[in-house]
N, C-alpha and C. Protein backbone atom coordinates (compact mmCIF):
# COMPACT_ATOMS: atom_id res chain seq x y z
N MET A 1 79.17 109.34 110.57
CA MET A 1 79.48 110.45 112.34
C MET A 1 80.87 110.39 112.78
N ILE A 2 81.52 111.24 112.72
CA ILE A 2 83.12 111.54 113.13
C ILE A 2 82.64 112.19 114.58
N GLU A 3 84.14 111.76 115.32
CA GLU A 3 84.14 112.03 116.38
C GLU A 3 85.47 112.68 116.68
N VAL A 4 86.26 113.28 117.45
CA VAL A 4 87.23 114.06 117.70
C VAL A 4 87.61 114.15 119.00
N THR A 5 88.84 112.95 119.25
CA THR A 5 89.27 113.08 120.95
C THR A 5 90.52 112.93 121.19
N ASP A 6 91.29 114.17 121.59
CA ASP A 6 91.67 114.51 121.59
C ASP A 6 93.99 114.52 120.12
N HIS A 7 92.96 114.78 119.05
CA HIS A 7 93.41 114.77 117.64
C HIS A 7 93.83 112.84 116.96
N ARG A 8 92.46 112.42 118.43
CA ARG A 8 92.00 111.35 117.15
C ARG A 8 90.79 111.07 116.56
N LEU A 9 90.83 111.27 115.50
CA LEU A 9 89.79 111.31 114.45
C LEU A 9 89.12 110.14 113.89
N LEU A 10 87.56 109.68 114.63
CA LEU A 10 87.14 108.24 113.96
C LEU A 10 86.32 108.60 112.65
N GLU A 11 86.21 107.48 111.66
CA GLU A 11 85.04 107.66 110.93
C GLU A 11 84.31 105.99 110.78
N VAL A 12 83.46 105.86 110.66
CA VAL A 12 82.41 105.02 110.26
C VAL A 12 81.81 105.10 109.89
N ARG A 13 81.68 104.03 108.23
CA ARG A 13 81.00 104.08 106.90
C ARG A 13 80.30 102.18 106.94
N ARG A 14 78.48 102.36 106.68
CA ARG A 14 78.22 101.21 106.97
C ARG A 14 77.78 99.68 105.65
N ASP A 15 78.60 99.56 106.06
CA ASP A 15 77.96 98.91 104.58
C ASP A 15 79.11 98.96 103.98
N ALA A 16 80.16 98.94 103.94
CA ALA A 16 80.56 99.87 103.08
C ALA A 16 82.28 98.70 103.46
N TYR A 17 82.16 98.32 102.76
CA TYR A 17 83.14 96.49 102.27
C TYR A 17 84.21 96.96 101.28
N VAL A 18 85.73 96.86 102.23
CA VAL A 18 86.89 96.94 101.73
C VAL A 18 87.85 96.04 101.60
N ASP A 19 88.59 95.33 100.40
CA ASP A 19 88.77 94.50 100.04
C ASP A 19 90.39 94.70 101.32
N SER A 20 91.34 93.36 101.80
CA SER A 20 92.29 93.89 102.13
C SER A 20 93.69 94.72 101.51
N VAL A 21 93.68 94.59 100.63
CA VAL A 21 95.10 95.15 99.21
C VAL A 21 94.14 96.90 99.54
N GLY A 22 92.74 97.27 99.32
CA GLY A 22 91.89 98.44 99.42
C GLY A 22 92.51 99.28 100.51
N LEU A 23 92.82 97.93 101.85
CA LEU A 23 92.39 98.60 103.32
C LEU A 23 94.64 99.66 103.72
N LEU A 24 94.85 98.44 103.19
CA LEU A 24 96.65 98.68 102.93
C LEU A 24 96.66 100.12 102.47
N ASN A 25 96.39 100.25 101.50
CA ASN A 25 96.53 100.65 100.01
C ASN A 25 96.04 102.63 100.78
N VAL A 26 95.33 102.35 101.29
CA VAL A 26 94.42 103.42 102.29
C VAL A 26 95.53 104.18 103.01
N SER A 27 95.51 102.63 104.30
CA SER A 27 96.30 102.80 105.22
C SER A 27 97.69 103.71 105.57
N GLN A 28 98.23 103.55 104.07
CA GLN A 28 99.79 104.21 103.73
C GLN A 28 99.57 105.41 103.66
N GLU A 29 98.21 105.82 102.72
CA GLU A 29 98.44 106.36 102.32
C GLU A 29 97.44 107.99 103.74
N MET A 30 97.28 107.68 104.17
CA MET A 30 96.62 108.49 105.83
C MET A 30 98.20 108.07 106.05
N GLN A 31 99.07 106.81 106.63
CA GLN A 31 100.41 107.63 107.64
C GLN A 31 101.22 108.31 107.35
N ASP A 32 100.90 108.83 106.10
CA ASP A 32 102.04 109.51 105.03
C ASP A 32 101.70 110.72 105.37
N VAL A 33 100.52 110.79 105.52
CA VAL A 33 100.35 113.21 106.26
C VAL A 33 101.55 113.38 106.61
N SER A 34 102.04 114.40 107.20
CA SER A 34 102.95 114.97 108.00
C SER A 34 102.28 115.49 109.44
N ASP A 35 101.93 114.77 110.44
CA ASP A 35 101.58 114.58 111.92
C ASP A 35 100.69 114.14 111.88
N VAL A 36 100.74 113.02 111.64
CA VAL A 36 99.68 112.15 111.46
C VAL A 36 100.92 110.38 112.38
N THR A 37 101.01 110.53 114.22
CA THR A 37 101.22 108.82 113.97
C THR A 37 100.66 107.87 114.36
N TRP A 38 99.75 107.35 114.32
CA TRP A 38 98.75 106.12 113.86
C TRP A 38 97.71 106.79 112.64
N ALA A 39 97.54 106.25 111.76
CA ALA A 39 96.70 105.83 111.10
C ALA A 39 96.17 103.96 110.40
N ASN A 40 94.62 103.72 110.36
CA ASN A 40 94.33 102.53 110.07
C ASN A 40 92.96 102.19 109.13
N ALA A 41 92.83 101.84 107.89
CA ALA A 41 91.54 101.94 107.57
C ALA A 41 91.51 100.02 107.81
N LEU A 42 89.84 99.67 108.32
CA LEU A 42 90.39 98.57 108.31
C LEU A 42 88.45 98.58 108.79
N MET A 43 88.22 97.21 108.61
CA MET A 43 86.91 96.71 108.40
C MET A 43 86.76 96.54 110.48
N GLY A 44 85.89 96.78 110.38
CA GLY A 44 84.92 96.70 111.84
C GLY A 44 84.84 95.04 111.82
N THR A 45 85.87 94.37 112.27
CA THR A 45 85.96 93.19 113.06
C THR A 45 87.02 92.72 114.45
N PRO A 46 86.10 91.48 115.08
CA PRO A 46 86.10 91.92 116.59
C PRO A 46 87.68 91.93 116.94
N ALA A 47 88.73 91.88 116.08
CA ALA A 47 90.56 91.86 116.47
C ALA A 47 90.74 93.41 116.06
N ASN A 48 89.62 93.90 115.30
CA ASN A 48 90.08 95.25 114.77
C ASN A 48 89.50 96.48 116.19
N LEU A 49 88.51 96.03 116.53
CA LEU A 49 87.81 96.99 117.88
C LEU A 49 88.93 96.55 118.43
N GLU A 50 89.53 95.67 118.91
CA GLU A 50 90.66 95.73 119.65
C GLU A 50 92.12 96.36 119.12
N LEU A 51 92.02 96.23 118.25
CA LEU A 51 93.39 97.24 118.02
C LEU A 51 93.17 98.74 118.19
N LEU A 52 92.12 99.09 117.47
CA LEU A 52 92.04 100.95 118.14
C LEU A 52 91.23 100.97 119.29
N GLN A 53 91.18 100.29 120.18
CA GLN A 53 91.86 100.44 121.81
C GLN A 53 92.81 100.89 121.78
N ASP A 54 93.31 99.51 121.79
CA ASP A 54 95.23 99.32 121.73
C ASP A 54 95.67 101.35 121.35
N ALA A 55 94.47 101.71 120.08
CA ALA A 55 95.57 102.94 119.62
C ALA A 55 94.68 104.08 120.54
N GLY A 56 93.54 104.53 121.36
CA GLY A 56 93.72 104.91 122.54
C GLY A 56 91.70 105.44 122.42
N PHE A 57 91.00 104.56 121.34
CA PHE A 57 90.10 104.96 121.49
C PHE A 57 89.05 104.08 121.89
N GLY A 58 88.11 104.99 122.90
CA GLY A 58 87.26 104.19 123.93
C GLY A 58 85.55 103.74 123.43
N ALA A 59 85.71 102.01 123.75
CA ALA A 59 84.73 101.10 123.58
C ALA A 59 83.78 101.76 123.41
N GLY A 60 83.24 102.56 123.88
CA GLY A 60 81.49 104.04 123.25
C GLY A 60 82.15 104.12 122.54
N GLU A 61 82.81 104.34 121.65
CA GLU A 61 84.22 104.95 120.14
C GLU A 61 83.32 103.77 119.12
N VAL A 62 83.77 102.35 119.72
CA VAL A 62 83.60 101.18 119.00
C VAL A 62 82.40 100.38 118.87
N GLU A 63 81.60 100.82 119.90
CA GLU A 63 80.67 99.63 120.19
C GLU A 63 79.36 100.11 118.68
N GLY A 64 79.66 98.22 118.91
CA GLY A 64 78.49 98.05 117.43
C GLY A 64 79.32 98.51 116.13
N LEU A 65 79.83 98.29 116.43
CA LEU A 65 80.30 97.68 114.57
C LEU A 65 80.40 96.53 114.55
N ARG A 66 80.52 96.45 112.96
CA ARG A 66 80.62 95.31 112.14
C ARG A 66 81.22 94.76 111.16
N ALA A 67 81.82 93.29 110.72
CA ALA A 67 82.69 93.32 110.53
C ALA A 67 82.60 94.19 108.71
N ASN A 68 81.41 94.33 108.37
CA ASN A 68 80.94 95.28 107.12
C ASN A 68 81.46 96.74 107.56
N ASP A 69 82.02 96.82 108.45
CA ASP A 69 81.33 98.30 108.50
C ASP A 69 83.19 98.69 108.23
N LEU A 70 82.89 99.82 107.55
CA LEU A 70 84.52 99.95 106.99
C LEU A 70 84.97 101.42 108.06
N VAL A 71 86.48 101.33 109.15
CA VAL A 71 86.73 102.93 109.83
C VAL A 71 87.39 103.26 109.17
N LEU A 72 87.64 103.84 109.67
CA LEU A 72 89.15 105.52 109.07
C LEU A 72 88.85 105.89 110.50
N ALA A 73 90.63 105.85 110.83
CA ALA A 73 90.92 106.26 111.88
C ALA A 73 92.58 106.93 112.48
N VAL A 74 92.51 107.98 112.90
CA VAL A 74 93.56 108.78 112.70
C VAL A 74 94.37 109.21 114.51
N VAL A 75 94.88 109.17 114.76
CA VAL A 75 95.61 109.83 115.54
C VAL A 75 96.70 110.71 115.24
N ALA A 76 97.10 112.13 115.62
CA ALA A 76 97.72 112.68 115.18
C ALA A 76 97.65 113.30 116.30
N GLU A 77 99.20 114.72 115.30
CA GLU A 77 99.00 115.66 117.11
C GLU A 77 98.97 117.23 116.69
N SER A 78 98.02 116.79 115.95
CA SER A 78 97.06 117.95 116.10
C SER A 78 95.58 117.33 114.92
N GLU A 79 94.48 118.43 115.33
CA GLU A 79 93.06 117.84 114.56
C GLU A 79 93.49 118.56 113.04
N ASP A 80 93.87 119.28 112.60
CA ASP A 80 94.10 119.62 111.50
C ASP A 80 94.47 118.38 110.67
N ALA A 81 96.04 117.73 111.47
CA ALA A 81 96.82 116.74 110.67
C ALA A 81 95.15 115.87 110.77
N ALA A 82 94.82 115.34 111.59
CA ALA A 82 93.46 113.88 111.40
C ALA A 82 92.27 114.63 110.27
N ARG A 83 92.73 115.35 110.55
CA ARG A 83 91.53 114.96 109.48
C ARG A 83 92.00 115.74 107.70
N ARG A 84 93.00 116.49 107.33
CA ARG A 84 94.27 116.05 106.07
C ARG A 84 94.23 114.75 105.83
N ALA A 85 94.67 113.37 107.40
CA ALA A 85 94.75 112.12 107.11
C ALA A 85 92.99 111.69 106.37
N MET A 86 91.66 112.37 107.09
CA MET A 86 90.92 111.66 106.29
C MET A 86 90.62 111.76 105.67
N ASP A 87 91.04 113.35 105.09
CA ASP A 87 90.63 113.54 103.36
C ASP A 87 91.09 112.67 102.44
N VAL A 88 92.57 112.53 102.75
CA VAL A 88 93.34 111.34 101.71
C VAL A 88 92.44 110.65 101.85
N ALA A 89 92.40 109.90 102.87
CA ALA A 89 91.02 108.65 102.78
C ALA A 89 90.15 108.97 102.10
N THR A 90 89.40 109.56 101.86
CA THR A 90 88.59 109.82 101.35
C THR A 90 88.71 109.53 99.97
N GLU A 91 89.55 110.77 99.98
CA GLU A 91 90.69 110.81 98.30
C GLU A 91 90.31 110.29 97.28
N SER A 92 91.47 108.49 98.33
CA SER A 92 91.86 107.76 98.05
C SER A 92 91.11 106.54 97.60
N MET A 93 90.00 106.74 98.22
CA MET A 93 89.21 106.15 98.12
C MET A 93 87.92 106.03 96.69
N ARG A 94 87.92 107.25 96.08
CA ARG A 94 87.35 108.39 95.53
C ARG A 94 87.79 107.38 94.02
N GLY A 95 88.81 107.55 94.25
CA GLY A 95 90.19 106.96 93.02
C GLY A 95 90.80 107.88 91.99
N GLY A 96 91.38 108.89 93.91
CA GLY A 96 92.44 109.75 93.07
C GLY A 96 92.51 111.40 92.39
N GLY A 97 90.58 111.02 91.80
CA GLY A 97 90.42 112.23 91.64
C GLY A 97 88.88 112.61 90.50
N PRO A 98 88.47 113.74 89.91
CA PRO A 98 87.28 113.06 89.71
C PRO A 98 87.37 112.16 88.34
N GLU A 99 86.11 111.22 88.60
CA GLU A 99 85.79 110.49 87.26
C GLU A 99 85.98 110.58 86.08
N GLU A 100 86.19 110.03 85.02
CA GLU A 100 85.80 110.51 83.33
C GLU A 100 85.02 109.79 83.20
N ALA A 101 83.24 110.05 82.42
CA ALA A 101 82.65 109.48 81.58
C ALA A 101 83.44 108.76 81.04
N ALA A 102 82.82 107.23 81.72
CA ALA A 102 83.70 106.01 80.61
C ALA A 102 82.35 106.00 79.28
N PRO A 103 83.71 105.55 78.56
CA PRO A 103 82.75 105.28 76.57
C PRO A 103 81.78 104.29 76.55
N ALA A 104 80.47 104.08 76.32
CA ALA A 104 79.14 104.17 76.59
C ALA A 104 80.11 101.97 76.24
N GLU A 105 81.05 101.90 75.30
CA GLU A 105 81.36 100.22 75.13
C GLU A 105 82.11 100.00 76.12
N ALA A 106 82.65 100.46 77.22
CA ALA A 106 83.18 99.79 78.51
C ALA A 106 82.41 100.38 79.52
N ALA A 107 80.57 99.65 80.03
CA ALA A 107 80.29 99.92 80.53
C ALA A 107 80.32 98.40 81.30
N VAL A 108 80.66 98.91 82.46
CA VAL A 108 81.21 98.14 84.33
C VAL A 108 80.19 97.33 84.17
N PRO A 109 80.45 96.08 84.15
CA PRO A 109 79.53 94.96 84.59
C PRO A 109 79.12 94.67 85.73
N ARG A 110 77.70 94.65 86.01
CA ARG A 110 77.40 94.55 87.70
C ARG A 110 77.20 93.17 87.64
N SER A 111 77.27 92.15 87.75
CA SER A 111 77.59 90.88 87.29
C SER A 111 78.60 90.25 87.71
N LEU A 112 79.31 88.73 88.59
CA LEU A 112 79.48 87.84 88.57
C LEU A 112 79.98 87.52 86.04
N GLU A 113 78.22 87.19 85.92
CA GLU A 113 78.27 86.20 84.77
C GLU A 113 78.17 87.40 83.85
N GLU A 114 77.82 88.57 84.14
CA GLU A 114 78.20 90.21 82.55
C GLU A 114 79.65 90.22 82.60
N ALA A 115 80.75 90.20 83.69
CA ALA A 115 82.19 89.82 83.28
C ALA A 115 82.46 88.98 83.23
N ALA A 116 82.07 87.83 83.28
CA ALA A 116 82.50 86.01 82.59
C ALA A 116 82.52 86.57 80.96
N ALA A 117 80.83 86.61 80.66
CA ALA A 117 80.52 86.81 79.25
C ALA A 117 81.85 88.03 78.00
N SER A 118 80.90 89.31 79.40
CA SER A 118 82.33 90.60 78.92
C SER A 118 83.35 89.98 77.94
N LEU A 119 84.31 89.07 78.98
CA LEU A 119 85.49 88.97 78.96
C LEU A 119 85.45 87.71 77.85
N GLY A 120 84.29 87.12 77.43
CA GLY A 120 84.60 85.88 76.90
C GLY A 120 85.47 84.66 76.86
N ASP A 121 87.19 84.71 76.99
CA ASP A 121 87.98 84.08 77.54
C ASP A 121 88.65 83.56 78.73
N ALA A 122 87.35 84.57 79.87
CA ALA A 122 88.44 84.53 80.96
C ALA A 122 88.29 83.03 81.62
N ASN A 123 88.87 81.89 82.89
CA ASN A 123 88.97 81.44 82.79
C ASN A 123 88.85 80.65 84.27
N ILE A 124 89.46 82.45 85.13
CA ILE A 124 89.97 82.52 87.52
C ILE A 124 88.14 83.55 87.66
N ALA A 125 87.96 83.90 88.22
CA ALA A 125 87.72 84.08 89.02
C ALA A 125 88.30 84.96 90.58
N VAL A 126 87.98 85.80 90.73
CA VAL A 126 88.77 86.69 92.90
C VAL A 126 87.38 86.47 93.20
N VAL A 127 88.05 86.80 94.54
CA VAL A 127 85.94 86.06 95.25
C VAL A 127 86.76 87.71 95.48
N SER A 128 86.23 88.75 95.74
CA SER A 128 86.55 89.68 97.37
C SER A 128 85.90 90.61 97.90
N VAL A 129 84.25 89.55 98.58
CA VAL A 129 83.25 89.79 99.50
C VAL A 129 83.60 89.05 100.53
N PRO A 130 82.40 90.31 101.57
CA PRO A 130 82.57 89.44 103.37
C PRO A 130 81.69 88.55 102.95
N GLY A 131 81.96 87.29 103.97
CA GLY A 131 82.89 86.49 103.87
C GLY A 131 81.06 85.91 104.22
N GLU A 132 80.17 86.26 104.56
CA GLU A 132 79.22 85.25 104.70
C GLU A 132 78.62 85.62 102.92
N TYR A 133 78.93 86.14 102.07
CA TYR A 133 78.02 86.41 100.86
C TYR A 133 79.49 85.14 100.40
N ALA A 134 80.80 85.58 100.45
CA ALA A 134 81.79 84.53 99.74
C ALA A 134 81.00 83.44 99.17
N ALA A 135 80.99 82.14 99.73
CA ALA A 135 80.44 81.19 99.32
C ALA A 135 79.69 81.18 98.09
N LEU A 136 78.50 82.33 97.98
CA LEU A 136 77.31 82.81 96.96
C LEU A 136 78.09 83.00 95.16
N GLU A 137 79.21 83.79 95.86
CA GLU A 137 79.88 84.28 94.31
C GLU A 137 80.86 82.92 94.03
N ALA A 138 81.22 82.33 95.23
CA ALA A 138 82.25 81.19 94.71
C ALA A 138 81.28 80.27 94.29
N HIS A 139 80.04 80.13 94.18
CA HIS A 139 79.23 78.84 93.61
C HIS A 139 78.87 79.58 91.97
N LYS A 140 79.29 80.90 92.36
CA LYS A 140 78.09 81.27 90.86
C LYS A 140 79.69 81.63 89.92
N ALA A 141 80.56 81.69 90.46
CA ALA A 141 81.77 81.41 89.48
C ALA A 141 82.26 79.34 88.73
N LEU A 142 81.69 78.85 90.48
CA LEU A 142 81.48 77.13 89.45
C LEU A 142 81.12 76.64 88.60
N SER A 143 79.90 77.86 88.43
CA SER A 143 79.04 77.48 87.62
C SER A 143 79.05 77.67 86.19
N ALA A 144 80.12 79.18 86.35
CA ALA A 144 80.53 80.32 85.48
C ALA A 144 81.91 79.25 84.11
N GLY A 145 81.79 77.87 85.15
CA GLY A 145 82.88 77.17 84.22
C GLY A 145 83.71 78.11 85.47
N LEU A 146 84.42 78.83 86.35
CA LEU A 146 85.69 79.29 86.33
C LEU A 146 85.87 78.86 87.47
N HIS A 147 87.15 78.42 87.36
CA HIS A 147 88.23 78.50 88.87
C HIS A 147 87.91 79.55 90.01
N VAL A 148 88.30 79.16 91.63
CA VAL A 148 88.31 80.25 92.07
C VAL A 148 89.44 80.73 93.08
N LEU A 149 89.96 81.45 93.10
CA LEU A 149 91.03 81.84 94.09
C LEU A 149 90.32 83.75 94.81
N LEU A 150 89.72 82.46 96.20
CA LEU A 150 88.69 83.11 97.04
C LEU A 150 89.36 83.74 98.14
N PHE A 151 89.42 84.98 97.60
CA PHE A 151 90.81 85.82 98.92
C PHE A 151 89.40 85.91 100.16
N SER A 152 88.62 86.36 100.39
CA SER A 152 87.72 85.90 101.54
C SER A 152 88.19 85.30 103.10
N ASP A 153 88.28 86.00 103.67
CA ASP A 153 87.82 84.95 105.09
C ASP A 153 86.91 84.74 105.34
N HIS A 154 87.03 84.60 106.90
CA HIS A 154 85.34 84.56 107.39
C HIS A 154 84.68 83.10 106.61
N VAL A 155 84.89 82.33 106.17
CA VAL A 155 84.39 81.63 104.97
C VAL A 155 83.33 80.59 106.42
N PRO A 156 82.44 79.98 106.75
CA PRO A 156 82.71 79.04 107.57
C PRO A 156 82.55 77.67 106.69
N VAL A 157 83.22 76.84 107.28
CA VAL A 157 83.98 75.25 107.03
C VAL A 157 83.19 74.49 106.35
N GLU A 158 81.47 74.28 106.77
CA GLU A 158 80.64 73.54 105.78
C GLU A 158 80.82 73.78 104.59
N ASP A 159 81.10 75.50 104.49
CA ASP A 159 80.79 76.01 102.75
C ASP A 159 81.77 75.99 102.29
N GLU A 160 83.47 75.98 102.37
CA GLU A 160 84.39 75.65 101.84
C GLU A 160 84.49 74.39 101.49
N VAL A 161 83.58 73.30 102.34
CA VAL A 161 84.34 72.29 101.62
C VAL A 161 82.87 71.66 100.88
N THR A 162 82.28 72.49 101.02
CA THR A 162 81.09 72.40 99.84
C THR A 162 82.06 72.59 98.87
N LEU A 163 82.07 74.47 98.72
CA LEU A 163 82.71 74.10 97.94
C LEU A 163 83.83 73.70 96.93
N LYS A 164 84.56 72.95 97.51
CA LYS A 164 85.53 72.60 97.32
C LYS A 164 85.70 71.05 97.20
N ARG A 165 84.20 70.59 97.01
CA ARG A 165 83.65 69.03 96.65
C ARG A 165 83.37 69.12 95.13
N ARG A 166 82.24 70.30 95.30
CA ARG A 166 81.62 70.76 94.02
C ARG A 166 82.75 71.13 92.97
N ALA A 167 83.59 71.42 93.29
CA ALA A 167 84.78 72.12 91.86
C ALA A 167 85.70 70.80 91.42
N ALA A 168 85.90 69.95 92.91
CA ALA A 168 86.65 69.00 92.38
C ALA A 168 85.74 68.19 90.94
N ASP A 169 84.03 67.94 91.48
CA ASP A 169 83.32 67.24 90.29
C ASP A 169 83.43 68.15 89.21
N LEU A 170 83.65 69.36 89.19
CA LEU A 170 83.66 69.72 87.97
C LEU A 170 84.88 69.87 86.84
N GLY A 171 86.20 69.19 88.26
CA GLY A 171 87.32 69.55 87.33
C GLY A 171 88.09 71.07 87.49
N LEU A 172 87.71 71.63 88.64
CA LEU A 172 87.58 72.82 88.80
C LEU A 172 88.61 73.72 89.99
N LEU A 173 89.07 73.99 90.57
CA LEU A 173 90.33 74.08 91.73
C LEU A 173 89.41 75.48 92.22
N VAL A 174 89.20 75.53 93.69
CA VAL A 174 88.53 76.65 94.38
C VAL A 174 90.08 76.53 95.26
N MET A 175 91.21 77.99 94.74
CA MET A 175 92.40 78.50 96.00
C MET A 175 91.40 79.10 96.84
N GLY A 176 91.20 78.60 98.98
CA GLY A 176 91.24 79.55 99.70
C GLY A 176 89.57 79.51 100.33
N PRO A 177 89.50 79.59 101.32
CA PRO A 177 89.01 80.60 101.23
C PRO A 177 90.71 81.46 102.09
N GLY A 178 90.86 83.21 102.17
CA GLY A 178 92.03 83.73 102.28
C GLY A 178 93.26 83.38 101.55
N ALA A 179 92.86 82.67 100.27
CA ALA A 179 93.79 83.21 99.54
C ALA A 179 94.05 84.47 98.91
N GLY A 180 96.06 84.88 98.93
CA GLY A 180 95.85 86.34 98.83
C GLY A 180 96.63 86.18 97.87
N THR A 181 97.47 85.04 97.47
CA THR A 181 98.64 85.07 96.22
C THR A 181 98.01 83.92 95.70
N ALA A 182 98.49 83.44 94.62
CA ALA A 182 98.48 83.14 93.14
C ALA A 182 99.06 84.20 91.74
N MET A 183 100.40 82.64 91.73
CA MET A 183 100.12 82.61 90.15
C MET A 183 99.88 81.84 89.24
N LEU A 184 99.36 82.22 87.81
CA LEU A 184 98.50 81.04 86.86
C LEU A 184 99.24 80.96 85.66
N GLY A 185 100.19 80.67 84.85
CA GLY A 185 100.70 81.20 84.31
C GLY A 185 101.84 82.17 83.59
N GLY A 186 102.00 82.46 84.85
CA GLY A 186 102.70 84.31 84.49
C GLY A 186 101.59 85.21 85.24
N ALA A 187 100.94 85.06 85.52
CA ALA A 187 99.41 85.91 86.03
C ALA A 187 99.35 85.98 86.69
N GLY A 188 99.69 87.42 87.92
CA GLY A 188 100.01 87.06 89.32
C GLY A 188 97.94 87.69 89.73
N LEU A 189 98.50 87.10 90.80
CA LEU A 189 96.56 87.27 91.24
C LEU A 189 96.99 87.63 93.39
N GLY A 190 95.74 88.74 93.60
CA GLY A 190 96.29 89.21 94.39
C GLY A 190 97.31 89.58 94.59
N PHE A 191 98.09 89.62 96.17
CA PHE A 191 99.43 89.33 96.25
C PHE A 191 100.63 89.22 95.39
N ALA A 192 101.70 89.00 94.51
CA ALA A 192 102.07 88.19 94.25
C ALA A 192 102.94 89.07 93.53
N ASN A 193 105.03 88.40 93.58
CA ASN A 193 106.03 88.88 93.48
C ASN A 193 105.89 88.60 91.75
N ALA A 194 106.80 89.76 91.28
CA ALA A 194 107.30 89.73 89.94
C ALA A 194 108.34 88.86 89.27
N VAL A 195 108.29 87.66 89.14
CA VAL A 195 109.78 87.07 89.42
C VAL A 195 109.72 86.10 87.85
N ARG A 196 111.30 85.85 87.55
CA ARG A 196 111.15 84.84 86.51
C ARG A 196 110.52 83.80 85.89
N PRO A 197 110.12 83.00 84.69
CA PRO A 197 109.62 81.75 84.61
C PRO A 197 110.17 80.66 84.55
N GLY A 198 110.20 80.30 85.52
CA GLY A 198 110.66 78.30 85.57
C GLY A 198 110.27 77.28 86.18
N PRO A 199 110.87 76.11 86.52
CA PRO A 199 110.47 75.11 86.24
C PRO A 199 109.66 74.79 87.21
N VAL A 200 109.93 75.53 89.34
CA VAL A 200 109.22 75.68 90.14
C VAL A 200 107.61 76.06 90.06
N ARG A 201 106.95 75.14 90.57
CA ARG A 201 105.29 75.21 91.15
C ARG A 201 105.43 75.00 92.71
N VAL A 202 105.00 76.63 93.29
CA VAL A 202 104.35 76.27 94.88
C VAL A 202 103.45 76.10 95.02
N VAL A 203 102.98 75.61 96.10
CA VAL A 203 101.68 75.48 96.70
C VAL A 203 101.90 75.81 98.09
N ALA A 204 101.00 76.79 99.02
CA ALA A 204 101.48 77.43 100.15
C ALA A 204 99.97 77.53 100.97
N ALA A 205 100.34 77.22 101.97
CA ALA A 205 98.37 77.87 102.41
C ALA A 205 99.15 79.44 103.09
N ALA A 206 100.16 79.74 103.56
CA ALA A 206 100.49 81.50 103.78
C ALA A 206 101.12 81.79 102.33
N GLY A 207 100.36 82.90 102.02
CA GLY A 207 100.65 84.10 100.97
C GLY A 207 102.32 84.95 100.95
N THR A 208 102.36 84.97 102.02
CA THR A 208 103.48 85.20 102.69
C THR A 208 104.78 84.41 102.45
N GLY A 209 104.66 83.21 102.77
CA GLY A 209 105.39 81.80 102.85
C GLY A 209 106.12 81.70 101.44
N ALA A 210 104.28 81.68 99.91
CA ALA A 210 104.44 82.13 98.70
C ALA A 210 104.91 82.73 98.32
N GLN A 211 104.80 84.25 99.08
CA GLN A 211 105.88 85.20 97.96
C GLN A 211 107.97 85.31 98.33
N GLU A 212 107.78 84.34 99.40
CA GLU A 212 108.88 84.10 100.36
C GLU A 212 109.74 83.55 99.00
N ALA A 213 109.22 81.85 99.19
CA ALA A 213 109.65 80.58 98.26
C ALA A 213 110.11 81.39 96.37
N MET A 214 109.32 82.21 96.34
CA MET A 214 109.03 82.42 95.13
C MET A 214 109.68 83.89 94.63
N THR A 215 110.49 85.00 96.14
CA THR A 215 111.63 85.61 96.12
C THR A 215 112.15 84.79 95.64
N LEU A 216 113.03 83.80 97.12
CA LEU A 216 114.08 83.17 96.82
C LEU A 216 114.65 82.29 95.58
N LEU A 217 113.48 81.87 94.92
CA LEU A 217 113.68 80.83 93.38
C LEU A 217 114.81 81.85 92.41
N HIS A 218 114.08 82.74 92.32
CA HIS A 218 114.15 84.11 91.59
C HIS A 218 116.07 84.22 92.21
N ARG A 219 116.54 84.27 93.00
CA ARG A 219 117.21 85.23 93.75
C ARG A 219 118.62 84.38 93.26
N TRP A 220 118.04 83.09 93.29
CA TRP A 220 118.70 81.71 93.69
C TRP A 220 119.20 81.04 91.61
N GLY A 221 118.10 82.31 90.90
CA GLY A 221 118.61 82.01 89.49
C GLY A 221 117.54 80.72 89.14
N SER A 222 116.67 80.60 89.97
CA SER A 222 115.81 79.21 88.97
C SER A 222 114.66 80.61 88.96
N GLY A 223 113.46 79.90 88.75
CA GLY A 223 112.37 80.86 88.51
C GLY A 223 111.16 79.42 88.53
N VAL A 224 109.94 80.63 88.57
CA VAL A 224 108.22 79.92 88.71
C VAL A 224 107.39 79.60 87.71
N SER A 225 106.13 78.50 87.44
CA SER A 225 105.82 78.80 85.85
C SER A 225 104.43 78.99 86.98
N ASP A 226 104.15 78.69 88.31
CA ASP A 226 103.16 78.52 89.43
C ASP A 226 102.88 78.45 90.32
N VAL A 227 102.16 79.48 91.19
CA VAL A 227 101.92 79.90 92.40
C VAL A 227 100.08 79.04 92.98
N VAL A 228 100.55 77.73 94.01
CA VAL A 228 99.01 78.30 93.82
C VAL A 228 98.77 78.78 95.39
N GLY A 229 97.66 79.23 96.28
CA GLY A 229 97.85 79.12 97.63
C GLY A 229 96.19 78.63 97.97
N VAL A 230 96.41 77.70 99.12
CA VAL A 230 95.36 77.12 99.69
C VAL A 230 94.60 77.71 100.57
N GLY A 231 94.82 78.54 100.98
CA GLY A 231 94.18 79.24 102.56
C GLY A 231 94.40 78.73 103.55
N GLY A 232 94.50 78.63 104.89
CA GLY A 232 95.39 78.22 106.20
C GLY A 232 94.26 77.10 106.73
N ARG A 233 93.24 76.53 105.98
CA ARG A 233 92.39 75.83 107.13
C ARG A 233 92.97 74.13 106.63
N ASP A 234 92.82 73.85 107.72
CA ASP A 234 93.26 72.18 107.52
C ASP A 234 91.93 71.65 107.67
N LEU A 235 91.48 70.82 106.49
CA LEU A 235 90.18 69.92 105.76
C LEU A 235 90.72 69.06 106.21
N SER A 236 91.86 68.47 106.85
CA SER A 236 91.24 66.43 106.46
C SER A 236 90.85 65.89 107.66
């Protein structure tokens, strides 16, 4: 359902989870539309509901939103600009244009197990799903013999403890929840910077802190071999 109030446009897509990388990209494209003064693509979490109300959307417009609901919100100088921004968001989430038929040999895996089997030599899974499902998917990855970068947040601490104890028993690593930055063997995962290889390994709770350390080491003439993001929770 779409509501327009003084050139404010709000669209809610129920149970349409998008991870933070996708949300940032869509938000930026909406903000780049001329005559748009504020735009955001976000999930319907309590903190984001406050953000929407701060932007001028009424309590009635955001009532009933859930953490798994995708919200597209625009404030613009004209109704036309607001609708153009919403069209840009829709197009962006479709992939920017009409989809081309994939060749038969490039069938998209429908499960983590299928993806791991299709790659053969994969050794790490990036899990980015709503928090209530994240532990289950991470356990599936561990069962497949994969290390885990758990991008999801809002994962109960009891689930995190169980995951990390199980991973330790299996000789595997679980990074996160809320781990948005890592670099292993030169491959960047999540939000990672392109830096020269070097002798330094970085372990950080904050992804932005890890990125800052990576770029400073690069600027100072050194380099980074690995970055491990552990997430921001203290389990001690």
